[in-house]
Amino acid sequence: MVAGIACGPQALELALEDEAEVHNIGQIRIVDPWAKSGVGSGHSAKLFFEFHNAGDKSDRLLKARSTIANGPTSFSAVVVTEGERRVTDLEAIEIPATDSIFELTEVGYYIEMTNLDVPMVMGKRFPVELTFERAGSATIEFTARFHSPKLTRRIREAASRGDIEALKAMRPIK
């Protein structure tokens, strides 16, 4: 460490962790795939990522499966009606052809895998095969985390600038 700056392997780890992880499946770009341990009995995980469909036709995510999940996998959406949140199961997740970037989140669309062989441990990486109607299938690795890599990058950027107000604004709303 030199004057409070990490050097050596630790510095390289931090630098690599700040880079977005990107996967391309046909015209679909997937950024920062991550998983969070589910709540309740049995081992489950919710899967999240950002995506963008650069194609000229919409696509659909039809299936997600992993060798570590022995139970059913579901696609879900959190719907707010008259101030009340409820979870709705979906047959597939629509991937529109647009310039916009979308994100699977805990308060929107997400994938849930159940009956995992082992509990989710922070930092654990595991393969998930994603199957799209048009783009086909590909296996990508998800990383178990407490929150999204994008939020981690935003926190690091604000901290490096000494921006206390930005850091306060990132606190979870109670």
C-alpha atoms as a PDB file:
ATOM      1  CA  MET A   1       0.000   0.000   0.000  1.00  0.00           C
ATOM      2  CA  VAL A   2       1.362   3.397  -0.969  1.00  0.00           C
ATOM      3  CA  ALA A   3      -0.081   6.508   0.730  1.00  0.00           C
ATOM      4  CA  GLY A   4      -3.452   4.772   1.283  1.00  0.00           C
ATOM      5  CA  ILE A   5      -3.652   3.388  -2.266  1.00  0.00           C
ATOM      6  CA  ALA A   6      -3.978  -0.371  -2.757  1.00  0.00           C
ATOM      7  CA  CYS A   7      -1.173  -1.872  -4.831  1.00  0.00           C
ATOM      8  CA  GLY A   8      -0.480  -5.359  -6.133  1.00  0.00           C
ATOM      9  CA  PRO A   9      -3.089  -8.121  -6.516  1.00  0.00           C
ATOM     10  CA  GLN A  10      -5.697  -6.323  -4.361  1.00  0.00           C
ATOM     11  CA  ALA A  11      -5.617  -3.271  -6.648  1.00  0.00           C
ATOM     12  CA  LEU A  12      -6.065  -5.478  -9.705  1.00  0.00           C
ATOM     13  CA  GLU A  13      -9.025  -7.257  -8.037  1.00  0.00           C
ATOM     14  CA  LEU A  14     -10.720  -3.912  -7.320  1.00  0.00           C
ATOM     15  CA  ALA A  15     -10.100  -2.662 -10.850  1.00  0.00           C
ATOM     16  CA  LEU A  16     -11.512  -5.856 -12.398  1.00  0.00           C
ATOM     17  CA  GLU A  17     -14.531  -5.777 -10.097  1.00  0.00           C
ATOM     18  CA  ASP A  18     -15.365  -2.266 -11.338  1.00  0.00           C
ATOM     19  CA  GLU A  19     -15.667  -3.464 -14.939  1.00  0.00           C
ATOM     20  CA  ALA A  20     -19.130  -4.459 -16.147  1.00  0.00           C
ATOM     21  CA  GLU A  21     -19.426  -8.122 -17.114  1.00  0.00           C
ATOM     22  CA  VAL A  22     -20.952  -8.303 -20.617  1.00  0.00           C
ATOM     23  CA  HIS A  23     -22.300 -11.301 -22.555  1.00  0.00           C
ATOM     24  CA  ASN A  24     -23.767 -11.266 -26.067  1.00  0.00           C
ATOM     25  CA  ILE A  25     -26.319 -13.848 -27.145  1.00  0.00           C
ATOM     26  CA  GLY A  26     -27.250 -13.068 -30.723  1.00  0.00           C
ATOM     27  CA  GLN A  27     -28.508  -9.462 -30.722  1.00  0.00           C
ATOM     28  CA  ILE A  28     -29.138  -9.507 -26.958  1.00  0.00           C
ATOM     29  CA  ARG A  29     -26.554  -7.939 -24.675  1.00  0.00           C
ATOM     30  CA  ILE A  30     -26.583  -9.067 -21.028  1.00  0.00           C
ATOM     31  CA  VAL A  31     -24.701  -6.968 -18.477  1.00  0.00           C
ATOM     32  CA  ASP A  32     -23.686  -7.850 -14.911  1.00  0.00           C
ATOM     33  CA  PRO A  33     -25.526 -11.137 -14.238  1.00  0.00           C
ATOM     34  CA  TRP A  34     -25.882 -11.604 -10.481  1.00  0.00           C
ATOM     35  CA  ALA A  35     -27.902 -13.599  -7.969  1.00  0.00           C
ATOM     36  CA  LYS A  36     -29.258 -13.004  -4.503  1.00  0.00           C
ATOM     37  CA  SER A  37     -30.168 -15.668  -1.986  1.00  0.00           C
ATOM     38  CA  GLY A  38     -33.906 -16.175  -1.596  1.00  0.00           C
ATOM     39  CA  VAL A  39     -35.768 -15.875   1.689  1.00  0.00           C
ATOM     40  CA  GLY A  40     -37.540 -18.738   3.425  1.00  0.00           C
ATOM     41  CA  SER A  41     -37.026 -22.444   3.793  1.00  0.00           C
ATOM     42  CA  GLY A  42     -35.030 -24.315   1.188  1.00  0.00           C
ATOM     43  CA  HIS A  43     -32.278 -22.837  -0.897  1.00  0.00           C
ATOM     44  CA  SER A  44     -33.361 -20.494  -3.658  1.00  0.00           C
ATOM     45  CA  ALA A  45     -31.890 -17.614  -5.615  1.00  0.00           C
ATOM     46  CA  LYS A  46     -33.257 -14.666  -7.553  1.00  0.00           C
ATOM     47  CA  LEU A  47     -31.379 -13.824 -10.741  1.00  0.00           C
ATOM     48  CA  PHE A  48     -30.917 -10.326 -12.147  1.00  0.00           C
ATOM     49  CA  PHE A  49     -29.153  -8.578 -15.026  1.00  0.00           C
ATOM     50  CA  GLU A  50     -29.417  -5.632 -17.403  1.00  0.00           C
ATOM     51  CA  PHE A  51     -30.288  -6.371 -21.008  1.00  0.00           C
ATOM     52  CA  HIS A  52     -30.571  -4.661 -24.357  1.00  0.00           C
ATOM     53  CA  ASN A  53     -31.973  -6.109 -27.578  1.00  0.00           C
ATOM     54  CA  ALA A  54     -30.127  -4.495 -30.493  1.00  0.00           C
ATOM     55  CA  GLY A  55     -32.070  -6.551 -33.034  1.00  0.00           C
ATOM     56  CA  ASP A  56     -34.957  -5.309 -35.136  1.00  0.00           C
ATOM     57  CA  LYS A  57     -37.418  -7.841 -33.658  1.00  0.00           C
ATOM     58  CA  SER A  58     -38.550  -8.458 -30.086  1.00  0.00           C
ATOM     59  CA  ASP A  59     -37.411 -11.643 -28.405  1.00  0.00           C
ATOM     60  CA  ARG A  60     -38.500 -13.618 -25.343  1.00  0.00           C
ATOM     61  CA  LEU A  61     -36.527 -15.280 -22.572  1.00  0.00           C
ATOM     62  CA  LEU A  62     -38.194 -18.689 -22.458  1.00  0.00           C
ATOM     63  CA  LYS A  63     -36.088 -20.716 -20.047  1.00  0.00           C
ATOM     64  CA  ALA A  64     -33.328 -20.437 -17.456  1.00  0.00           C
ATOM     65  CA  ARG A  65     -31.737 -23.508 -15.947  1.00  0.00           C
ATOM     66  CA  SER A  66     -28.691 -24.375 -13.899  1.00  0.00           C
ATOM     67  CA  THR A  67     -26.993 -27.556 -12.783  1.00  0.00           C
ATOM     68  CA  ILE A  68     -27.180 -26.321  -9.164  1.00  0.00           C
ATOM     69  CA  ALA A  69     -31.014 -25.943  -9.177  1.00  0.00           C
ATOM     70  CA  ASN A  70     -33.177 -29.048  -8.807  1.00  0.00           C
ATOM     71  CA  GLY A  71     -36.535 -27.336  -8.391  1.00  0.00           C
ATOM     72  CA  PRO A  72     -38.684 -25.320 -10.747  1.00  0.00           C
ATOM     73  CA  THR A  73     -37.446 -22.033 -12.191  1.00  0.00           C
ATOM     74  CA  SER A  74     -39.953 -19.226 -12.544  1.00  0.00           C
ATOM     75  CA  PHE A  75     -40.154 -15.860 -14.245  1.00  0.00           C
ATOM     76  CA  SER A  76     -41.908 -13.290 -12.076  1.00  0.00           C
ATOM     77  CA  ALA A  77     -43.003  -9.675 -12.096  1.00  0.00           C
ATOM     78  CA  VAL A  78     -43.753  -7.471  -9.120  1.00  0.00           C
ATOM     79  CA  VAL A  79     -46.981  -5.597  -9.866  1.00  0.00           C
ATOM     80  CA  VAL A  80     -48.147  -2.637  -7.790  1.00  0.00           C
ATOM     81  CA  THR A  81     -51.916  -2.106  -7.754  1.00  0.00           C
ATOM     82  CA  GLU A  82     -53.462   0.586  -5.560  1.00  0.00           C
ATOM     83  CA  GLY A  83     -50.256   0.765  -3.522  1.00  0.00           C
ATOM     84  CA  GLU A  84     -50.150  -2.973  -2.899  1.00  0.00           C
ATOM     85  CA  ARG A  85     -47.319  -5.144  -4.239  1.00  0.00           C
ATOM     86  CA  ARG A  86     -47.946  -8.644  -5.495  1.00  0.00           C
ATOM     87  CA  VAL A  87     -45.890 -11.125  -7.468  1.00  0.00           C
ATOM     88  CA  THR A  88     -47.234 -12.487 -10.744  1.00  0.00           C
ATOM     89  CA  ASP A  89     -45.747 -15.524 -12.491  1.00  0.00           C
ATOM     90  CA  LEU A  90     -44.938 -15.161 -16.181  1.00  0.00           C
ATOM     91  CA  GLU A  91     -44.595 -17.676 -18.984  1.00  0.00           C
ATOM     92  CA  ALA A  92     -41.614 -15.763 -20.443  1.00  0.00           C
ATOM     93  CA  ILE A  93     -39.887 -12.387 -20.161  1.00  0.00           C
ATOM     94  CA  GLU A  94     -40.417 -10.117 -23.156  1.00  0.00           C
ATOM     95  CA  ILE A  95     -37.246  -8.579 -24.591  1.00  0.00           C
ATOM     96  CA  PRO A  96     -38.345  -5.625 -26.770  1.00  0.00           C
ATOM     97  CA  ALA A  97     -36.267  -4.440 -29.713  1.00  0.00           C
ATOM     98  CA  THR A  98     -35.451  -0.887 -28.657  1.00  0.00           C
ATOM     99  CA  ASP A  99     -32.622   1.491 -27.864  1.00  0.00           C
ATOM    100  CA  SER A 100     -33.579   1.317 -24.180  1.00  0.00           C
ATOM    101  CA  ILE A 101     -31.736  -0.761 -21.594  1.00  0.00           C
ATOM    102  CA  PHE A 102     -33.872  -2.831 -19.231  1.00  0.00           C
ATOM    103  CA  GLU A 103     -32.996  -4.424 -15.917  1.00  0.00           C
ATOM    104  CA  LEU A 104     -34.282  -7.429 -14.000  1.00  0.00           C
ATOM    105  CA  THR A 105     -34.695  -6.253 -10.377  1.00  0.00           C
ATOM    106  CA  GLU A 106     -36.386  -7.265  -7.150  1.00  0.00           C
ATOM    107  CA  VAL A 107     -39.082  -4.640  -7.710  1.00  0.00           C
ATOM    108  CA  GLY A 108     -39.758  -5.502 -11.350  1.00  0.00           C
ATOM    109  CA  TYR A 109     -39.086  -8.629 -13.381  1.00  0.00           C
ATOM    110  CA  TYR A 110     -36.796 -11.391 -12.081  1.00  0.00           C
ATOM    111  CA  ILE A 111     -35.944 -15.082 -12.393  1.00  0.00           C
ATOM    112  CA  GLU A 112     -36.171 -17.406  -9.386  1.00  0.00           C
ATOM    113  CA  MET A 113     -34.447 -20.780  -9.103  1.00  0.00           C
ATOM    114  CA  THR A 114     -35.464 -23.155  -6.330  1.00  0.00           C
ATOM    115  CA  ASN A 115     -34.170 -26.226  -4.508  1.00  0.00           C
ATOM    116  CA  LEU A 116     -30.507 -25.328  -4.983  1.00  0.00           C
ATOM    117  CA  ASP A 117     -27.870 -27.940  -4.114  1.00  0.00           C
ATOM    118  CA  VAL A 118     -26.143 -25.453  -1.803  1.00  0.00           C
ATOM    119  CA  PRO A 119     -27.013 -22.097  -0.257  1.00  0.00           C
ATOM    120  CA  MET A 120     -25.899 -18.938  -2.062  1.00  0.00           C
ATOM    121  CA  VAL A 121     -22.623 -17.738  -0.593  1.00  0.00           C
ATOM    122  CA  MET A 122     -21.423 -14.240  -1.486  1.00  0.00           C
ATOM    123  CA  GLY A 123     -18.979 -14.408  -4.381  1.00  0.00           C
ATOM    124  CA  LYS A 124     -20.024 -17.898  -5.508  1.00  0.00           C
ATOM    125  CA  ARG A 125     -20.215 -18.180  -9.297  1.00  0.00           C
ATOM    126  CA  PHE A 126     -22.475 -20.692 -11.028  1.00  0.00           C
ATOM    127  CA  PRO A 127     -23.568 -21.387 -14.614  1.00  0.00           C
ATOM    128  CA  VAL A 128     -27.049 -20.611 -15.921  1.00  0.00           C
ATOM    129  CA  GLU A 129     -28.258 -21.521 -19.387  1.00  0.00           C
ATOM    130  CA  LEU A 130     -30.567 -18.843 -20.803  1.00  0.00           C
ATOM    131  CA  THR A 131     -32.792 -19.779 -23.749  1.00  0.00           C
ATOM    132  CA  PHE A 132     -34.306 -17.092 -25.961  1.00  0.00           C
ATOM    133  CA  GLU A 133     -36.944 -17.604 -28.628  1.00  0.00           C
ATOM    134  CA  ARG A 134     -34.893 -15.937 -31.400  1.00  0.00           C
ATOM    135  CA  ALA A 135     -31.344 -15.495 -30.069  1.00  0.00           C
ATOM    136  CA  GLY A 136     -30.969 -19.143 -29.007  1.00  0.00           C
ATOM    137  CA  SER A 137     -29.237 -20.447 -25.887  1.00  0.00           C
ATOM    138  CA  ALA A 138     -26.033 -19.635 -24.058  1.00  0.00           C
ATOM    139  CA  THR A 139     -24.579 -20.469 -20.674  1.00  0.00           C
ATOM    140  CA  ILE A 140     -23.280 -17.558 -18.625  1.00  0.00           C
ATOM    141  CA  GLU A 141     -21.989 -17.331 -15.072  1.00  0.00           C
ATOM    142  CA  PHE A 142     -23.906 -15.519 -12.362  1.00  0.00           C
ATOM    143  CA  THR A 143     -22.237 -14.268  -9.174  1.00  0.00           C
ATOM    144  CA  ALA A 144     -23.951 -14.357  -5.764  1.00  0.00           C
ATOM    145  CA  ARG A 145     -24.021 -10.819  -4.326  1.00  0.00           C
ATOM    146  CA  PHE A 146     -25.820  -8.737  -1.733  1.00  0.00           C
ATOM    147  CA  HIS A 147     -26.708  -6.043  -4.311  1.00  0.00           C
ATOM    148  CA  SER A 148     -26.100  -5.234  -7.965  1.00  0.00           C
ATOM    149  CA  PRO A 149     -22.622  -4.638  -9.378  1.00  0.00           C
ATOM    150  CA  LYS A 150     -23.938  -1.367 -10.848  1.00  0.00           C
ATOM    151  CA  LEU A 151     -24.765  -0.114  -7.342  1.00  0.00           C
ATOM    152  CA  THR A 152     -21.319  -1.181  -6.131  1.00  0.00           C
ATOM    153  CA  ARG A 153     -19.721   0.894  -8.924  1.00  0.00           C
ATOM    154  CA  ARG A 154     -21.925   3.906  -8.089  1.00  0.00           C
ATOM    155  CA  ILE A 155     -20.955   3.673  -4.397  1.00  0.00           C
ATOM    156  CA  ARG A 156     -17.238   3.432  -5.224  1.00  0.00           C
ATOM    157  CA  GLU A 157     -17.442   6.398  -7.621  1.00  0.00           C
ATOM    158  CA  ALA A 158     -19.243   8.585  -5.066  1.00  0.00           C
ATOM    159  CA  ALA A 159     -16.847   7.539  -2.292  1.00  0.00           C
ATOM    160  CA  SER A 160     -13.786   8.271  -4.445  1.00  0.00           C
ATOM    161  CA  ARG A 161     -15.168  11.795  -5.082  1.00  0.00           C
ATOM    162  CA  GLY A 162     -16.011  12.226  -1.404  1.00  0.00           C
ATOM    163  CA  ASP A 163     -19.642  12.869  -2.416  1.00  0.00           C
ATOM    164  CA  ILE A 164     -21.463  12.265   0.886  1.00  0.00           C
ATOM    165  CA  GLU A 165     -24.835  13.462  -0.475  1.00  0.00           C
ATOM    166  CA  ALA A 166     -24.701  10.930  -3.327  1.00  0.00           C
ATOM    167  CA  LEU A 167     -23.852   8.187  -0.840  1.00  0.00           C
ATOM    168  CA  LYS A 168     -26.778   9.170   1.404  1.00  0.00           C
ATOM    169  CA  ALA A 169     -29.109   9.103  -1.594  1.00  0.00           C
ATOM    170  CA  MET A 170     -28.139   5.462  -2.283  1.00  0.00           C
ATOM    171  CA  ARG A 171     -29.363   4.212   1.109  1.00  0.00           C
ATOM    172  CA  PRO A 172     -32.304   1.834   0.956  1.00  0.00           C
ATOM    173  CA  ILE A 173     -35.669   3.491   1.468  1.00  0.00           C
ATOM    174  CA  LYS A 174     -37.471   2.202   4.559  1.00  0.00           C
END
